[in-house]
N, C-alpha and C. Protein backbone atom coordinates (compact mmCIF):
# COMPACT_ATOMS: atom_id res chain seq x y z
N MET A 1 16.57 -18.63 24.82
CA MET A 1 16.80 -18.75 23.48
C MET A 1 17.82 -17.74 23.50
N THR A 2 19.29 -18.28 23.31
CA THR A 2 20.43 -17.30 22.96
C THR A 2 20.21 -16.15 21.51
N GLY A 3 20.68 -15.03 21.77
CA GLY A 3 21.09 -14.47 20.50
C GLY A 3 21.67 -15.01 19.15
N ASP A 4 22.82 -16.28 19.46
CA ASP A 4 23.21 -16.95 18.51
C ASP A 4 21.81 -17.80 17.87
N GLU A 5 21.24 -18.22 18.60
CA GLU A 5 20.54 -19.22 18.68
C GLU A 5 19.00 -19.11 17.89
N LEU A 6 18.51 -17.57 18.13
CA LEU A 6 17.40 -16.68 17.27
C LEU A 6 17.97 -16.30 16.46
N ALA A 7 19.17 -16.43 16.15
CA ALA A 7 19.88 -15.57 14.50
C ALA A 7 20.40 -17.07 13.70
N HIS A 8 20.10 -18.10 14.22
CA HIS A 8 19.86 -19.27 13.48
C HIS A 8 18.81 -19.84 13.23
N GLU A 9 17.79 -20.04 14.01
CA GLU A 9 16.44 -20.01 13.75
C GLU A 9 15.90 -19.28 12.35
N ILE A 10 16.56 -17.50 12.55
CA ILE A 10 16.02 -16.48 11.99
C ILE A 10 16.64 -16.47 10.07
N PHE A 11 17.77 -17.00 10.24
CA PHE A 11 18.36 -17.26 9.10
C PHE A 11 18.15 -18.79 8.72
N GLY A 12 17.52 -19.99 9.56
CA GLY A 12 17.12 -21.19 8.77
C GLY A 12 15.98 -20.72 8.19
N ALA A 13 15.30 -19.82 8.47
CA ALA A 13 12.78 -19.77 8.29
C ALA A 13 13.82 -18.85 7.03
N ALA A 14 14.73 -17.90 6.86
CA ALA A 14 14.82 -17.22 5.42
C ALA A 14 15.37 -18.37 4.23
N ILE A 15 16.01 -19.45 5.07
CA ILE A 15 16.66 -20.09 3.72
C ILE A 15 15.22 -20.94 3.36
N GLU A 16 14.75 -21.64 4.16
CA GLU A 16 13.50 -22.30 4.14
C GLU A 16 12.74 -21.69 3.06
N VAL A 17 12.01 -19.98 3.36
CA VAL A 17 11.27 -19.77 2.26
C VAL A 17 11.92 -19.59 0.62
N HIS A 18 13.39 -19.65 0.97
CA HIS A 18 14.03 -19.16 -0.39
C HIS A 18 14.20 -19.82 -1.31
N ARG A 19 13.89 -21.39 -0.79
CA ARG A 19 14.40 -22.81 -1.38
C ARG A 19 13.73 -22.71 -2.80
N PRO A 20 11.75 -22.89 -2.29
CA PRO A 20 11.00 -23.22 -3.25
C PRO A 20 10.36 -22.08 -3.96
N LEU A 21 10.88 -20.22 -3.54
CA LEU A 21 10.46 -19.64 -4.45
C LEU A 21 11.04 -18.40 -4.80
N GLY A 22 12.74 -18.72 -4.64
CA GLY A 22 13.51 -18.37 -4.86
C GLY A 22 14.28 -16.61 -4.94
N PRO A 23 14.91 -16.27 -5.65
CA PRO A 23 14.66 -14.50 -5.95
C PRO A 23 14.25 -13.90 -6.45
N GLY A 24 13.62 -12.82 -6.54
CA GLY A 24 12.80 -12.09 -7.20
C GLY A 24 11.37 -11.91 -6.23
N LEU A 25 11.23 -12.52 -5.53
CA LEU A 25 9.68 -12.44 -4.71
C LEU A 25 10.10 -10.74 -4.41
N LEU A 26 8.54 -10.00 -4.59
CA LEU A 26 7.83 -8.98 -3.74
C LEU A 26 8.00 -9.06 -2.38
N GLU A 27 8.31 -8.02 -1.78
CA GLU A 27 9.38 -7.87 -0.78
C GLU A 27 7.90 -8.01 0.39
N SER A 28 7.36 -7.64 -0.40
CA SER A 28 5.57 -8.27 0.79
C SER A 28 5.45 -9.37 0.79
N ALA A 29 5.79 -9.82 -0.11
CA ALA A 29 5.24 -11.40 -0.44
C ALA A 29 6.12 -12.05 0.64
N HIS A 30 7.28 -11.93 0.06
CA HIS A 30 8.52 -12.34 0.82
C HIS A 30 7.91 -12.11 2.51
N GLU A 31 8.25 -11.09 2.80
CA GLU A 31 7.83 -10.80 4.45
C GLU A 31 6.32 -11.47 4.90
N LYS A 32 5.54 -11.92 3.96
CA LYS A 32 4.54 -12.48 4.19
C LYS A 32 5.00 -14.18 4.80
N CYS A 33 5.49 -14.65 3.83
CA CYS A 33 6.30 -16.19 3.98
C CYS A 33 7.33 -16.62 4.63
N LEU A 34 8.17 -15.26 4.84
CA LEU A 34 9.01 -15.40 6.25
C LEU A 34 8.27 -15.28 7.54
N THR A 35 7.09 -14.50 7.80
CA THR A 35 6.49 -13.97 9.17
C THR A 35 5.71 -15.97 9.25
N HIS A 36 5.12 -16.11 7.99
CA HIS A 36 4.50 -17.66 8.57
C HIS A 36 5.83 -18.77 8.84
N GLU A 37 6.65 -18.71 8.21
CA GLU A 37 7.81 -19.96 8.64
C GLU A 37 8.23 -19.28 9.71
N LEU A 38 8.05 -18.07 10.21
CA LEU A 38 8.72 -17.80 11.99
C LEU A 38 7.67 -18.23 13.11
N SER A 39 6.25 -18.20 12.54
CA SER A 39 5.42 -18.54 13.22
C SER A 39 5.18 -20.07 13.56
N ILE A 40 5.54 -20.26 12.50
CA ILE A 40 5.81 -22.10 12.84
C ILE A 40 6.52 -22.55 13.74
N ARG A 41 8.35 -21.77 13.56
CA ARG A 41 9.21 -22.18 14.65
C ARG A 41 8.88 -21.53 15.88
N GLY A 42 8.47 -20.16 16.18
CA GLY A 42 8.40 -20.06 17.34
C GLY A 42 8.83 -19.15 17.61
N PRO A 43 9.88 -18.04 16.86
CA PRO A 43 9.95 -17.02 18.11
C PRO A 43 9.09 -15.50 17.39
N ARG A 44 9.19 -14.95 18.94
CA ARG A 44 7.73 -13.79 18.76
C ARG A 44 8.58 -12.78 18.15
N PHE A 45 7.52 -12.10 17.16
CA PHE A 45 8.01 -11.28 16.56
C PHE A 45 6.99 -9.93 16.04
N GLU A 46 7.45 -8.64 15.75
CA GLU A 46 6.85 -7.77 15.46
C GLU A 46 7.36 -7.12 13.60
N ARG A 47 5.67 -7.15 13.22
CA ARG A 47 5.90 -6.79 11.61
C ARG A 47 6.19 -5.22 11.33
N GLN A 48 6.96 -4.62 10.58
CA GLN A 48 6.25 -3.07 10.48
C GLN A 48 6.52 -2.53 11.58
N LYS A 49 7.82 -2.56 12.21
CA LYS A 49 7.44 -1.97 13.91
C LYS A 49 8.24 -0.47 13.41
N PRO A 50 7.67 0.39 14.33
CA PRO A 50 7.73 2.07 13.43
C PRO A 50 9.14 2.59 14.80
N VAL A 51 9.85 3.22 14.36
CA VAL A 51 11.21 3.42 14.41
C VAL A 51 11.46 4.79 14.14
N ALA A 52 11.60 5.67 15.58
CA ALA A 52 11.56 6.72 15.63
C ALA A 52 13.63 7.50 14.94
N VAL A 53 13.83 8.23 14.31
CA VAL A 53 14.85 9.05 13.71
C VAL A 53 15.25 9.85 15.24
N VAL A 54 16.41 9.70 15.56
CA VAL A 54 16.99 10.87 16.72
C VAL A 54 18.07 11.51 15.78
N TYR A 55 17.70 12.71 15.89
CA TYR A 55 19.10 13.78 14.85
C TYR A 55 19.21 15.05 16.00
N LYS A 56 20.17 15.31 16.25
CA LYS A 56 20.03 16.80 17.13
C LYS A 56 19.77 16.30 18.05
N ASP A 57 19.58 15.48 19.13
CA ASP A 57 18.72 15.10 20.57
C ASP A 57 17.01 15.18 20.06
N ALA A 58 16.72 15.33 19.19
CA ALA A 58 15.04 15.47 18.70
C ALA A 58 14.93 14.10 18.16
N GLU A 59 13.91 13.28 18.92
CA GLU A 59 12.71 12.69 18.20
C GLU A 59 11.92 12.54 17.19
N LEU A 60 12.44 12.14 15.75
CA LEU A 60 11.63 12.50 14.60
C LEU A 60 10.80 11.15 14.39
N ASP A 61 9.51 11.31 13.69
CA ASP A 61 8.83 10.35 13.18
C ASP A 61 9.13 11.02 11.62
N CYS A 62 9.74 9.50 11.00
CA CYS A 62 9.87 10.25 9.94
C CYS A 62 9.64 8.94 8.64
N GLY A 63 8.55 8.16 9.51
CA GLY A 63 7.95 6.83 8.73
C GLY A 63 8.52 5.87 8.74
N HIS A 64 9.74 5.44 9.62
CA HIS A 64 10.94 4.40 9.00
C HIS A 64 9.99 3.26 9.96
N CYS A 65 9.96 1.99 9.29
CA CYS A 65 9.80 1.23 10.07
C CYS A 65 10.66 -0.30 9.61
N ILE A 66 11.35 -0.78 10.85
CA ILE A 66 11.46 -2.01 11.01
C ILE A 66 10.46 -3.18 10.06
N ASP A 67 11.02 -4.34 9.22
CA ASP A 67 10.57 -4.85 8.14
C ASP A 67 10.33 -6.35 9.85
N LEU A 68 11.26 -6.42 10.17
CA LEU A 68 10.66 -7.72 11.09
C LEU A 68 11.41 -7.06 12.85
N LEU A 69 11.11 -7.42 13.67
CA LEU A 69 11.95 -7.48 14.96
C LEU A 69 11.41 -8.63 15.90
N THR A 70 12.46 -9.71 15.94
CA THR A 70 12.24 -10.63 16.58
C THR A 70 12.68 -10.78 18.32
N GLU A 71 11.63 -11.01 19.05
CA GLU A 71 12.09 -11.28 20.00
C GLU A 71 12.85 -9.78 20.81
N VAL A 72 12.44 -8.86 20.27
CA VAL A 72 12.86 -7.45 20.76
C VAL A 72 14.33 -7.18 20.99
N ARG A 73 14.89 -8.00 20.08
CA ARG A 73 16.45 -7.93 20.17
C ARG A 73 17.07 -7.77 18.60
N ILE A 74 16.34 -8.37 17.60
CA ILE A 74 17.07 -8.37 16.19
C ILE A 74 16.09 -8.46 15.19
N ALA A 75 16.55 -7.08 14.58
CA ALA A 75 16.11 -6.68 13.68
C ALA A 75 16.00 -7.06 12.33
N VAL A 76 15.06 -7.16 11.16
CA VAL A 76 15.37 -7.99 10.16
C VAL A 76 14.51 -7.38 9.12
N GLU A 77 15.91 -6.18 8.07
CA GLU A 77 15.24 -5.91 6.84
C GLU A 77 15.43 -7.17 5.85
N LEU A 78 13.86 -6.91 4.74
CA LEU A 78 13.96 -7.90 3.72
C LEU A 78 14.42 -6.93 2.87
């Protein structure tokens, strides 16, 4: 799957979740629904992927996580 195709699939999944639920859903609930939709559609993803922050050549664990990392290429922040 190309990067454009993957982005299209992620965007489509996000719209599919937004349609019935609308705005204002808690981020944790939105993430669960989006991961369910992505599971149906097929792209691989990781939830809450830890990411180190690099500051002055030092890799620091600041507790930052990417909400979803799809196909190890596209980060999705909800």
